[in-house]
């Protein structure tokens, strides 16, 4: 099965997830939605890319093959997208 070239990082907050999903739908390209779940470390500001703010279950969803494009919205999803 071929992996989608676009991933949408879906924050648990509906409004934030809707922004990212709306962009992906308008691209008219296949995309995979990766549901994010935040752990206690998500409240810390991360100045570098990290998955530390995710729960172990959410980290397990972020596996190769890597997409060509990642779409996200929100402050907490930015380090994950990077």
C-alpha atoms as a PDB file:
ATOM      1  CA  UNK A   1       0.000   0.000   0.000  1.00  0.00           C
ATOM      2  CA  UNK A   2       1.392   3.391  -0.988  1.00  0.00           C
ATOM      3  CA  UNK A   3       1.644   5.968   1.772  1.00  0.00           C
ATOM      4  CA  UNK A   4      -0.054   9.347   1.347  1.00  0.00           C
ATOM      5  CA  UNK A   5       2.400  12.093   0.300  1.00  0.00           C
ATOM      6  CA  UNK A   6       0.731  14.531   2.730  1.00  0.00           C
ATOM      7  CA  UNK A   7       0.225  14.172   6.467  1.00  0.00           C
ATOM      8  CA  UNK A   8      -2.235  16.305   8.421  1.00  0.00           C
ATOM      9  CA  UNK A   9      -1.416  16.616  12.103  1.00  0.00           C
ATOM     10  CA  UNK A  10      -4.814  16.794  13.788  1.00  0.00           C
ATOM     11  CA  UNK A  11      -4.711  18.546  17.147  1.00  0.00           C
ATOM     12  CA  UNK A  12      -7.388  17.357  19.632  1.00  0.00           C
ATOM     13  CA  UNK A  13      -8.922  20.837  19.550  1.00  0.00           C
ATOM     14  CA  UNK A  14     -11.534  20.754  16.800  1.00  0.00           C
ATOM     15  CA  UNK A  15     -10.969  24.284  15.521  1.00  0.00           C
ATOM     16  CA  UNK A  16      -7.229  23.806  15.145  1.00  0.00           C
ATOM     17  CA  UNK A  17      -7.613  20.419  13.429  1.00  0.00           C
ATOM     18  CA  UNK A  18     -10.229  21.879  11.063  1.00  0.00           C
ATOM     19  CA  UNK A  19      -7.764  24.498   9.797  1.00  0.00           C
ATOM     20  CA  UNK A  20      -5.160  21.886   8.853  1.00  0.00           C
ATOM     21  CA  UNK A  21      -7.751  19.518   7.360  1.00  0.00           C
ATOM     22  CA  UNK A  22      -9.277  22.342   5.311  1.00  0.00           C
ATOM     23  CA  UNK A  23      -5.945  23.098   3.672  1.00  0.00           C
ATOM     24  CA  UNK A  24      -5.317  19.412   2.914  1.00  0.00           C
ATOM     25  CA  UNK A  25      -8.750  18.949   1.354  1.00  0.00           C
ATOM     26  CA  UNK A  26      -8.164  21.889  -0.995  1.00  0.00           C
ATOM     27  CA  UNK A  27      -4.877  20.432  -2.232  1.00  0.00           C
ATOM     28  CA  UNK A  28      -6.812  17.568  -3.834  1.00  0.00           C
ATOM     29  CA  UNK A  29      -3.949  15.177  -3.065  1.00  0.00           C
ATOM     30  CA  UNK A  30      -4.134  11.999  -0.975  1.00  0.00           C
ATOM     31  CA  UNK A  31      -3.480  12.698   2.687  1.00  0.00           C
ATOM     32  CA  UNK A  32      -3.236  10.801   5.947  1.00  0.00           C
ATOM     33  CA  UNK A  33      -4.590  12.272   9.170  1.00  0.00           C
ATOM     34  CA  UNK A  34      -2.293  11.720  12.153  1.00  0.00           C
ATOM     35  CA  UNK A  35      -4.221  12.260  15.369  1.00  0.00           C
ATOM     36  CA  UNK A  36      -2.183  14.007  18.042  1.00  0.00           C
ATOM     37  CA  UNK A  37      -2.646  13.457  21.773  1.00  0.00           C
ATOM     38  CA  UNK A  38      -0.823  15.687  24.219  1.00  0.00           C
ATOM     39  CA  UNK A  39       1.053  14.498  27.293  1.00  0.00           C
ATOM     40  CA  UNK A  40       2.182  16.591  30.262  1.00  0.00           C
ATOM     41  CA  UNK A  41       5.335  17.857  28.505  1.00  0.00           C
ATOM     42  CA  UNK A  42       3.255  19.584  25.808  1.00  0.00           C
ATOM     43  CA  UNK A  43       2.814  22.569  28.115  1.00  0.00           C
ATOM     44  CA  UNK A  44       6.537  23.370  27.932  1.00  0.00           C
ATOM     45  CA  UNK A  45       7.866  25.661  25.186  1.00  0.00           C
ATOM     46  CA  UNK A  46      10.123  23.696  22.834  1.00  0.00           C
ATOM     47  CA  UNK A  47      12.612  25.794  20.844  1.00  0.00           C
ATOM     48  CA  UNK A  48      13.622  22.772  18.722  1.00  0.00           C
ATOM     49  CA  UNK A  49      11.762  19.989  16.880  1.00  0.00           C
ATOM     50  CA  UNK A  50      10.637  17.265  19.279  1.00  0.00           C
ATOM     51  CA  UNK A  51       7.933  14.661  19.808  1.00  0.00           C
ATOM     52  CA  UNK A  52       8.315  14.898  23.604  1.00  0.00           C
ATOM     53  CA  UNK A  53       4.939  16.612  24.064  1.00  0.00           C
ATOM     54  CA  UNK A  54       3.039  13.665  22.585  1.00  0.00           C
ATOM     55  CA  UNK A  55       1.704  10.647  24.416  1.00  0.00           C
ATOM     56  CA  UNK A  56       3.463   7.357  23.619  1.00  0.00           C
ATOM     57  CA  UNK A  57       0.425   6.273  21.571  1.00  0.00           C
ATOM     58  CA  UNK A  58       0.592   9.403  19.413  1.00  0.00           C
ATOM     59  CA  UNK A  59       4.378   9.066  18.941  1.00  0.00           C
ATOM     60  CA  UNK A  60       3.807   5.522  17.670  1.00  0.00           C
ATOM     61  CA  UNK A  61       1.681   6.923  14.797  1.00  0.00           C
ATOM     62  CA  UNK A  62       4.568   8.975  13.423  1.00  0.00           C
ATOM     63  CA  UNK A  63       6.571   6.377  11.521  1.00  0.00           C
ATOM     64  CA  UNK A  64       8.129   6.056   8.044  1.00  0.00           C
ATOM     65  CA  UNK A  65       7.592   6.274   5.184  1.00  0.00           C
ATOM     66  CA  UNK A  66       7.839  10.027   5.623  1.00  0.00           C
ATOM     67  CA  UNK A  67       5.493  12.350   3.730  1.00  0.00           C
ATOM     68  CA  UNK A  68       6.561  14.973   1.238  1.00  0.00           C
ATOM     69  CA  UNK A  69       4.434  17.582   3.053  1.00  0.00           C
ATOM     70  CA  UNK A  70       3.184  17.987   6.644  1.00  0.00           C
ATOM     71  CA  UNK A  71       0.294  20.336   7.433  1.00  0.00           C
ATOM     72  CA  UNK A  72      -0.420  21.420  10.985  1.00  0.00           C
ATOM     73  CA  UNK A  73      -1.963  24.289  12.896  1.00  0.00           C
ATOM     74  CA  UNK A  74      -1.328  25.469  16.414  1.00  0.00           C
ATOM     75  CA  UNK A  75       1.620  26.147  18.672  1.00  0.00           C
ATOM     76  CA  UNK A  76       1.873  22.633  20.066  1.00  0.00           C
ATOM     77  CA  UNK A  77       1.861  20.925  16.669  1.00  0.00           C
ATOM     78  CA  UNK A  78       4.705  23.061  15.264  1.00  0.00           C
ATOM     79  CA  UNK A  79       7.579  21.114  16.906  1.00  0.00           C
ATOM     80  CA  UNK A  80       5.968  17.851  15.788  1.00  0.00           C
ATOM     81  CA  UNK A  81       5.652  19.060  12.205  1.00  0.00           C
ATOM     82  CA  UNK A  82       9.285  20.108  12.110  1.00  0.00           C
END
